[in-house]
Amino acid sequence: MKKTFNILFYIRRDKADSNGRVPIYCRITVNGERSELAIKRDVQVDRWIPNSQKVMGSNEESRSINAYINTVRIKINDHRNKLESSDKTVSAESIKNSYLGIIEGSKSLIAIFEEHNRKVKSLINKDFAAGTFERYETCLKHLKEFVEWKYKVADYYVEDVNHEFITELDYYLRSVKNCANNTTIKYIKNFKKIVRIALANGWITKDPFLNYKSKLEKIDRGYLTQSELDTLRSKTFSTTRLEQVKDIFVFQCFTGLAFSDVKSLSHANIVKDLEGELWINTHRRKTNTEVHVMLLPEAIDVTNKYRDDVECLYKGVLLPVLSNQKMNGYLKEIGDICGITKNLSTHLARHTFATTVTLAKGVSLESVSRMLGHTNLKTTQVYARMMDSRVATEMKVLRGKLSDTAAKSGYFTIIDHLVTF
């Protein structure tokens, strides 16, 4: 039976740029099956003639684009004829691949990324957190948009990824997507995993990241001072939601748990040791590392407050935690009411635990690292910085020791004599 075959050129109005120019696409149809590709040309929307599938006018640009469209049409027909004459499968996809010069066995970059994300999704709450999957999905979305923006194609092939591709992706994320330095580097790191998969499987033989250099910028991670924390704790809100959000925030400040870990806590995560002390025993959803934190009185007060809460009993959770987005929204309102100018967020509570509640009170960095569920002490050093108050306290202790030593040696007697003289 004879196959139906058609070539259609059209514009993508949904991809118009700020100047009103749109990309021209080609659609190949074989027996109702479609395959599309961008032809790497664009035109003003009002100059495209749909019925004629060409650009209006006789100026140099119009003649050039129309000639190129005719060339593409001829080449696609040639590739279709070659496939037919060589008894190969003739489909919309095979014709497009032949035109693009994609040889059998070539690997689609997008397909590799999509397969990776499919596996990550299937392992959520096992090997990966839901947030990890979402970040990979966002990275894939940016990658798809990048190859269309830069190369005017809907897909790219992993063997064509080189140093230039990576640096252009870096530029695109920073300029077009307006990503900050650290956000850009994190997306590039996500993409690098896909490249490592290709290397491990032998789909590429050279690492395109070999000469790519990037550096994360140090971020001044905020936290509440003891005075600010006391102000927030002592504040009572007439609105139930604000009071609940404040309580959850305070609980985080005195346990160091991340938002997702607090949200999933149940009474089964609270255990009592041989000395009668209450502890939180759980696993971090982000890294699946064990976390053991002794419940301080301030945190116990919060859990007792919601012991008989109807919502908590119904859901089988320890605390009535809202979504992260709603929590952060209410926290901004709470900050305004309390006169706290810092940007309150659920993650700020974790930093407050690491600094004001623990390190500033003399808890060792190693203990704080374990309670935060970090696998690397360097990570804790970023989250939990030393506060000036603790530095001052330790310097006073040092001064006292030096004074004792000096007094024993008679140093101060000599100094006093000199001053009197």
Protein backbone atom coordinates (compact mmCIF):
# COMPACT_ATOMS: atom_id res chain seq x y z
CA MET A 1 0.00 0.00 0.00
CA LYS A 2 1.31 3.42 -0.96
CA LYS A 3 2.28 5.66 1.96
CA THR A 4 0.85 9.15 2.26
CA PHE A 5 3.54 11.80 2.60
CA ASN A 6 3.38 15.53 3.24
CA ILE A 7 5.70 18.41 4.20
CA LEU A 8 4.29 21.51 5.92
CA PHE A 9 6.11 24.68 6.96
CA TYR A 10 4.54 26.81 9.69
CA ILE A 11 5.41 29.32 12.40
CA ARG A 12 5.28 28.87 16.19
CA ARG A 13 3.41 31.93 17.49
CA ASP A 14 3.81 30.69 21.08
CA LYS A 15 7.57 31.14 20.78
CA ALA A 16 7.56 34.77 19.68
CA ASP A 17 10.48 36.82 21.01
CA SER A 18 10.38 40.39 22.32
CA ASN A 19 10.72 41.73 18.75
CA GLY A 20 7.72 39.79 17.47
CA ARG A 21 9.80 37.27 15.52
CA VAL A 22 8.77 33.62 15.55
CA PRO A 23 10.66 30.44 14.54
CA ILE A 24 9.72 28.53 11.40
CA TYR A 25 9.08 24.81 11.81
CA CYS A 26 8.75 21.94 9.38
CA ARG A 27 6.26 19.12 9.92
CA ILE A 28 6.79 15.80 8.15
CA THR A 29 3.74 13.52 7.96
CA VAL A 30 3.78 9.89 6.84
CA ASN A 31 0.53 7.90 7.03
CA GLY A 32 -0.78 10.29 9.67
CA GLU A 33 2.37 10.07 11.82
CA ARG A 34 4.03 13.44 12.45
CA SER A 35 7.53 14.55 13.25
CA GLU A 36 8.61 18.17 13.58
CA LEU A 37 11.82 20.16 13.50
CA ALA A 38 12.86 23.80 13.61
CA ILE A 39 14.60 24.92 10.43
CA LYS A 40 16.72 27.56 12.24
CA ARG A 41 15.03 30.54 10.59
CA ASP A 42 12.65 33.11 12.06
CA VAL A 43 10.34 35.79 10.69
CA GLN A 44 8.02 38.60 11.77
CA VAL A 45 4.59 37.14 12.55
CA ASP A 46 2.72 39.46 10.19
CA ARG A 47 5.02 38.61 7.27
CA TRP A 48 4.26 34.87 7.21
CA ILE A 49 1.76 33.61 4.61
CA PRO A 50 0.28 30.31 5.95
CA ASN A 51 -1.41 29.19 2.73
CA SER A 52 1.74 29.65 0.65
CA GLN A 53 4.09 28.56 3.45
CA LYS A 54 6.46 31.40 2.69
CA VAL A 55 7.49 34.88 3.75
CA MET A 56 5.72 37.91 2.28
CA GLY A 57 7.69 40.41 0.22
CA SER A 58 10.56 40.53 -2.22
CA ASN A 59 13.28 42.06 -0.09
CA GLU A 60 16.57 40.27 0.50
CA GLU A 61 15.49 38.64 3.79
CA SER A 62 12.22 37.30 2.33
CA ARG A 63 13.98 35.90 -0.75
CA SER A 64 16.67 34.27 1.41
CA ILE A 65 14.23 32.57 3.80
CA ASN A 66 11.92 31.40 1.00
CA ALA A 67 14.88 29.94 -0.89
CA TYR A 68 16.02 28.16 2.25
CA ILE A 69 12.52 26.70 2.77
CA ASN A 70 12.60 25.31 -0.76
CA THR A 71 16.04 23.81 -0.11
CA VAL A 72 14.81 22.10 3.06
CA ARG A 73 11.78 20.73 1.21
CA ILE A 74 13.99 19.30 -1.56
CA LYS A 75 16.43 17.75 0.92
CA ILE A 76 13.65 16.11 2.94
CA ASN A 77 12.24 14.61 -0.26
CA ASP A 78 15.70 13.34 -1.19
CA HIS A 79 16.12 11.63 2.19
CA ARG A 80 12.70 10.04 1.87
CA ASN A 81 13.62 8.67 -1.56
CA LYS A 82 16.95 7.33 -0.24
CA LEU A 83 15.19 5.48 2.59
CA GLU A 84 12.71 3.96 0.16
CA SER A 85 15.39 2.90 -2.35
CA SER A 86 17.47 1.23 0.38
CA ASP A 87 14.45 -0.68 1.75
CA LYS A 88 14.76 1.04 5.12
CA THR A 89 11.83 1.99 7.34
CA VAL A 90 10.14 5.08 5.99
CA SER A 91 8.44 7.04 8.76
CA ALA A 92 8.14 10.68 9.71
CA GLU A 93 10.76 10.17 12.42
CA SER A 94 13.20 8.25 10.22
CA ILE A 95 12.99 10.88 7.48
CA LYS A 96 13.64 13.66 10.00
CA ASN A 97 16.57 11.76 11.52
CA SER A 98 18.04 11.11 8.09
CA TYR A 99 17.75 14.82 7.21
CA LEU A 100 19.39 15.82 10.50
CA GLY A 101 22.23 13.37 9.92
CA ILE A 102 21.40 11.24 12.95
CA ILE A 103 22.99 7.84 12.47
CA GLU A 104 21.58 4.67 13.90
CA GLY A 105 22.64 4.24 17.51
CA SER A 106 22.85 7.96 18.27
CA LYS A 107 21.46 8.87 21.66
CA SER A 108 19.03 11.68 22.30
CA LEU A 109 20.13 13.95 25.14
CA ILE A 110 16.52 14.68 26.06
CA ALA A 111 15.61 10.99 26.01
CA ILE A 112 18.51 10.12 28.36
CA PHE A 113 17.46 12.89 30.74
CA GLU A 114 13.80 11.84 30.64
CA GLU A 115 14.71 8.20 31.37
CA HIS A 116 16.90 9.33 34.28
CA ASN A 117 14.03 11.40 35.71
CA ARG A 118 11.60 8.51 35.29
CA LYS A 119 13.85 6.32 37.42
CA VAL A 120 14.32 9.05 40.04
CA LYS A 121 10.54 9.49 40.27
CA SER A 122 10.05 5.76 40.84
CA LEU A 123 12.53 5.90 43.73
CA ILE A 124 11.00 8.87 45.59
CA ASN A 125 10.94 8.17 49.35
CA LYS A 126 13.42 5.36 48.77
CA ASP A 127 16.66 6.72 47.31
CA PHE A 128 15.47 10.24 46.44
CA ALA A 129 13.34 12.99 47.97
CA ALA A 130 10.45 14.52 46.02
CA GLY A 131 12.32 17.82 45.91
CA THR A 132 15.27 16.16 44.16
CA PHE A 133 12.98 14.89 41.40
CA GLU A 134 11.43 18.35 41.01
CA ARG A 135 14.88 19.92 40.60
CA TYR A 136 15.81 17.44 37.87
CA GLU A 137 12.50 18.12 36.12
CA THR A 138 13.15 21.87 36.24
CA CYS A 139 16.66 21.33 34.89
CA LEU A 140 15.27 19.23 32.01
CA LYS A 141 12.72 21.97 31.24
CA HIS A 142 15.51 24.56 31.08
CA LEU A 143 17.59 22.25 28.86
CA LYS A 144 14.73 21.76 26.36
CA GLU A 145 14.16 25.51 26.19
CA PHE A 146 17.89 26.12 25.80
CA VAL A 147 18.38 23.84 22.75
CA GLU A 148 15.40 25.50 21.05
CA TRP A 149 16.71 28.97 21.95
CA LYS A 150 20.31 28.34 20.91
CA TYR A 151 20.15 25.68 18.20
CA LYS A 152 16.53 26.04 16.99
CA VAL A 153 15.92 22.30 17.44
CA ALA A 154 13.56 20.31 19.65
CA ASP A 155 16.25 17.81 20.69
CA TYR A 156 20.00 17.42 20.84
CA TYR A 157 22.33 14.47 20.64
CA VAL A 158 24.60 13.58 23.45
CA GLU A 159 27.66 12.99 21.25
CA ASP A 160 27.40 16.64 20.13
CA VAL A 161 27.61 18.01 23.67
CA ASN A 162 30.95 19.80 24.00
CA HIS A 163 32.60 22.57 26.01
CA GLU A 164 30.84 25.24 23.95
CA PHE A 165 27.44 23.66 24.62
CA ILE A 166 28.05 23.74 28.39
CA THR A 167 29.33 27.33 28.47
CA GLU A 168 26.39 28.46 26.33
CA LEU A 169 23.99 26.64 28.69
CA ASP A 170 25.68 28.41 31.60
CA TYR A 171 25.22 31.76 29.85
CA TYR A 172 21.57 30.99 29.02
CA LEU A 173 20.72 30.17 32.64
CA ARG A 174 22.36 33.35 33.90
CA SER A 175 21.03 35.73 31.24
CA VAL A 176 17.77 34.45 29.74
CA LYS A 177 16.51 32.60 32.83
CA ASN A 178 18.07 35.17 35.20
CA CYS A 179 19.43 32.50 37.56
CA ALA A 180 21.87 33.52 40.29
CA ASN A 181 25.41 32.10 40.27
CA ASN A 182 24.78 29.29 42.75
CA THR A 183 21.45 28.33 41.14
CA THR A 184 23.13 28.18 37.72
CA ILE A 185 25.91 25.95 39.06
CA LYS A 186 23.40 23.60 40.69
CA TYR A 187 21.50 23.19 37.40
CA ILE A 188 24.78 22.56 35.57
CA LYS A 189 25.62 19.97 38.23
CA ASN A 190 22.28 18.24 37.58
CA PHE A 191 23.06 18.21 33.87
CA LYS A 192 26.56 16.88 34.55
CA LYS A 193 25.02 13.73 36.01
CA ILE A 194 23.37 13.02 32.63
CA VAL A 195 26.76 13.44 30.93
CA ARG A 196 28.32 11.01 33.43
CA ILE A 197 25.62 8.47 32.57
CA ALA A 198 26.50 8.85 28.88
CA LEU A 199 30.21 8.40 29.65
CA ALA A 200 29.58 5.32 31.80
CA ASN A 201 27.53 3.71 29.04
CA GLY A 202 30.06 4.48 26.31
CA TRP A 203 27.69 6.75 24.39
CA ILE A 204 30.40 9.42 24.49
CA THR A 205 34.14 8.95 24.90
CA LYS A 206 35.28 12.39 26.04
CA ASP A 207 34.09 14.35 29.06
CA PRO A 208 32.88 17.78 27.82
CA PHE A 209 33.15 19.12 31.39
CA LEU A 210 36.93 18.64 31.38
CA ASN A 211 37.76 22.35 31.04
CA TYR A 212 34.60 23.80 32.56
CA LYS A 213 35.23 25.67 35.81
CA SER A 214 32.68 27.07 38.23
CA LYS A 215 32.69 28.21 41.84
CA LEU A 216 29.87 28.53 44.34
CA GLU A 217 29.67 31.88 46.07
CA LYS A 218 29.57 31.97 49.85
CA ILE A 219 26.12 32.95 51.07
CA ASP A 220 25.45 34.89 54.25
CA ARG A 221 22.88 32.54 55.73
CA GLY A 222 20.60 34.40 58.12
CA TYR A 223 19.48 33.37 61.58
CA LEU A 224 17.60 34.87 64.51
CA THR A 225 19.51 36.33 67.43
CA GLN A 226 18.53 35.29 70.94
CA SER A 227 16.65 38.57 71.38
CA GLU A 228 14.69 38.09 68.14
CA LEU A 229 13.90 34.48 69.02
CA ASP A 230 12.66 35.52 72.47
CA THR A 231 10.48 38.23 70.92
CA LEU A 232 8.89 35.79 68.52
CA ARG A 233 8.34 33.10 71.17
CA SER A 234 6.64 35.49 73.58
CA LYS A 235 4.23 36.80 70.93
CA THR A 236 0.68 35.40 71.00
CA PHE A 237 -1.46 35.66 67.87
CA SER A 238 -5.25 35.81 67.85
CA THR A 239 -5.32 34.16 64.40
CA THR A 240 -5.13 30.38 64.72
CA ARG A 241 -3.07 29.91 61.56
CA LEU A 242 -0.46 32.48 62.58
CA GLU A 243 -0.17 30.94 66.04
CA GLN A 244 0.29 27.46 64.55
CA VAL A 245 2.90 28.65 62.07
CA LYS A 246 4.78 30.45 64.85
CA ASP A 247 4.74 27.27 66.95
CA ILE A 248 6.05 25.11 64.09
CA PHE A 249 8.80 27.67 63.43
CA VAL A 250 9.79 27.68 67.11
CA PHE A 251 9.82 23.86 67.10
CA GLN A 252 12.23 23.96 64.15
CA CYS A 253 14.42 26.52 65.94
CA PHE A 254 14.84 24.15 68.87
CA THR A 255 15.21 20.89 66.91
CA GLY A 256 17.02 21.93 63.70
CA LEU A 257 14.72 19.79 61.57
CA ALA A 258 14.08 20.76 57.96
CA PHE A 259 10.53 21.57 56.91
CA SER A 260 9.88 18.24 55.14
CA ASP A 261 11.14 16.30 58.17
CA VAL A 262 8.90 18.20 60.60
CA LYS A 263 5.90 17.72 58.32
CA SER A 264 6.33 13.94 58.32
CA LEU A 265 6.95 13.53 62.07
CA SER A 266 4.60 11.25 63.99
CA HIS A 267 4.40 10.24 67.66
CA ALA A 268 6.32 7.09 66.70
CA ASN A 269 9.37 9.31 66.08
CA ILE A 270 9.42 10.43 69.73
CA VAL A 271 11.23 7.98 72.01
CA LYS A 272 12.35 8.05 75.65
CA ASP A 273 15.86 7.03 76.72
CA LEU A 274 16.86 5.21 79.92
CA GLU A 275 17.14 8.52 81.76
CA GLY A 276 13.65 9.59 80.78
CA GLU A 277 14.75 12.17 78.20
CA LEU A 278 12.65 12.53 75.05
CA TRP A 279 14.37 12.26 71.68
CA ILE A 280 13.39 12.62 68.03
CA ASN A 281 14.51 9.59 66.04
CA THR A 282 13.97 10.00 62.30
CA HIS A 283 15.65 10.04 58.89
CA ARG A 284 16.23 13.14 56.77
CA ARG A 285 14.06 12.91 53.69
CA LYS A 286 16.71 14.73 51.65
CA THR A 287 19.66 12.43 52.39
CA ASN A 288 18.06 9.50 54.26
CA THR A 289 20.62 9.96 57.06
CA GLU A 290 19.64 9.18 60.65
CA VAL A 291 18.82 12.11 62.91
CA HIS A 292 18.70 11.96 66.71
CA VAL A 293 17.81 15.19 68.53
CA MET A 294 17.00 15.57 72.22
CA LEU A 295 13.75 17.47 72.70
CA LEU A 296 14.45 20.71 74.56
CA PRO A 297 11.73 22.10 76.87
CA GLU A 298 10.74 24.73 74.27
CA ALA A 299 10.10 21.99 71.67
CA ILE A 300 8.25 19.79 74.18
CA ASP A 301 5.91 22.71 74.96
CA VAL A 302 4.96 22.85 71.27
CA THR A 303 4.30 19.11 70.98
CA ASN A 304 2.17 19.15 74.17
CA LYS A 305 0.12 22.04 72.79
CA TYR A 306 -1.00 19.92 69.82
CA ARG A 307 -1.23 16.55 71.54
CA ASP A 308 -5.03 16.47 71.19
CA ASP A 309 -5.31 18.54 68.00
CA VAL A 310 -8.08 17.09 65.81
CA GLU A 311 -6.16 17.63 62.55
CA CYS A 312 -3.02 15.96 63.94
CA LEU A 313 -4.96 12.97 65.27
CA TYR A 314 -6.78 12.55 61.95
CA LYS A 315 -3.57 12.70 59.87
CA GLY A 316 -1.47 10.75 62.39
CA VAL A 317 1.17 13.49 62.59
CA LEU A 318 2.87 15.24 65.49
CA LEU A 319 2.18 18.83 64.40
CA PRO A 320 -0.31 20.63 62.09
CA VAL A 321 2.19 21.67 59.41
CA LEU A 322 0.95 23.57 56.36
CA SER A 323 2.63 23.54 52.95
CA ASN A 324 6.08 25.13 52.76
CA GLN A 325 4.75 27.92 50.54
CA LYS A 326 1.96 28.81 52.98
CA MET A 327 4.30 28.54 55.97
CA ASN A 328 6.76 31.00 54.43
CA GLY A 329 3.93 33.35 53.48
CA TYR A 330 2.60 33.44 57.04
CA LEU A 331 6.12 33.77 58.45
CA LYS A 332 6.64 37.01 56.51
CA GLU A 333 3.49 38.36 58.15
CA ILE A 334 4.70 37.16 61.58
CA GLY A 335 8.05 38.86 61.04
CA ASP A 336 6.34 42.17 60.25
CA ILE A 337 4.17 41.95 63.36
CA CYS A 338 7.16 41.12 65.58
CA GLY A 339 9.28 43.87 64.08
CA ILE A 340 11.84 41.40 62.73
CA THR A 341 13.31 42.71 59.49
CA LYS A 342 14.95 39.44 58.49
CA ASN A 343 13.25 37.29 55.86
CA LEU A 344 11.65 34.59 58.02
CA SER A 345 11.42 31.18 56.37
CA THR A 346 11.28 27.57 57.47
CA HIS A 347 14.95 27.16 56.57
CA LEU A 348 15.92 30.19 58.68
CA ALA A 349 14.72 28.21 61.70
CA ARG A 350 17.25 25.47 60.92
CA HIS A 351 20.03 28.05 60.76
CA THR A 352 18.85 29.54 64.07
CA PHE A 353 19.12 26.14 65.73
CA ALA A 354 22.64 25.70 64.37
CA THR A 355 23.84 29.11 65.55
CA THR A 356 21.84 30.78 68.33
CA VAL A 357 20.45 27.67 70.04
CA THR A 358 23.47 25.35 69.87
CA LEU A 359 26.85 26.71 68.73
CA ALA A 360 26.45 29.98 70.61
CA LYS A 361 25.73 27.99 73.78
CA GLY A 362 28.90 25.93 73.49
CA VAL A 363 27.61 22.81 71.72
CA SER A 364 30.41 21.32 69.59
CA LEU A 365 30.36 21.56 65.82
CA GLU A 366 30.50 17.75 65.61
CA SER A 367 27.36 17.36 67.76
CA VAL A 368 25.50 20.02 65.79
CA SER A 369 26.50 18.32 62.53
CA ARG A 370 25.07 15.01 63.74
CA MET A 371 21.81 16.59 64.91
CA LEU A 372 21.40 18.37 61.57
CA GLY A 373 21.88 15.05 59.78
CA HIS A 374 24.88 16.23 57.79
CA THR A 375 27.28 13.66 56.32
CA ASN A 376 30.07 16.22 55.94
CA LEU A 377 31.33 18.56 58.65
CA LYS A 378 32.04 21.22 56.01
CA THR A 379 28.32 21.44 55.31
CA THR A 380 27.70 22.25 58.96
CA GLN A 381 30.36 24.94 58.90
CA VAL A 382 28.39 26.69 56.15
CA TYR A 383 25.01 26.40 57.90
CA ALA A 384 26.21 27.01 61.44
CA ARG A 385 28.61 29.90 61.64
CA MET A 386 30.14 31.23 64.84
CA MET A 387 28.41 34.18 66.45
CA ASP A 388 30.16 37.26 67.82
CA SER A 389 28.66 36.62 71.28
CA ARG A 390 30.34 33.23 71.53
CA VAL A 391 33.65 34.61 70.25
CA ALA A 392 33.47 37.32 72.94
CA THR A 393 32.71 34.75 75.64
CA GLU A 394 35.61 32.53 74.65
CA MET A 395 37.99 35.50 74.47
CA LYS A 396 36.96 36.52 78.01
CA VAL A 397 37.81 33.01 79.19
CA LEU A 398 41.18 33.29 77.44
CA ARG A 399 41.78 36.70 79.00
CA GLY A 400 41.07 35.24 82.43
CA LYS A 401 43.56 32.42 81.89
CA LEU A 402 46.21 34.84 80.65
CA SER A 403 45.60 37.09 83.66
CA ASP A 404 46.05 34.18 86.07
CA THR A 405 49.30 33.19 84.37
CA ALA A 406 50.59 36.75 84.39
CA ALA A 407 49.73 37.25 88.07
CA LYS A 408 51.63 34.11 89.05
CA SER A 409 54.71 35.26 87.13
CA GLY A 410 54.71 38.74 88.70
CA TYR A 411 54.10 40.42 85.35
CA PHE A 412 51.34 42.69 86.67
CA THR A 413 53.56 43.80 89.60
CA ILE A 414 56.15 45.08 87.14
CA ILE A 415 53.47 46.81 85.02
CA ASP A 416 51.94 48.44 88.10
CA HIS A 417 55.38 49.70 89.15
CA LEU A 418 55.97 51.17 85.69
CA VAL A 419 52.57 52.86 85.65
CA THR A 420 53.13 54.35 89.12
CA PHE A 421 56.58 55.53 88.14
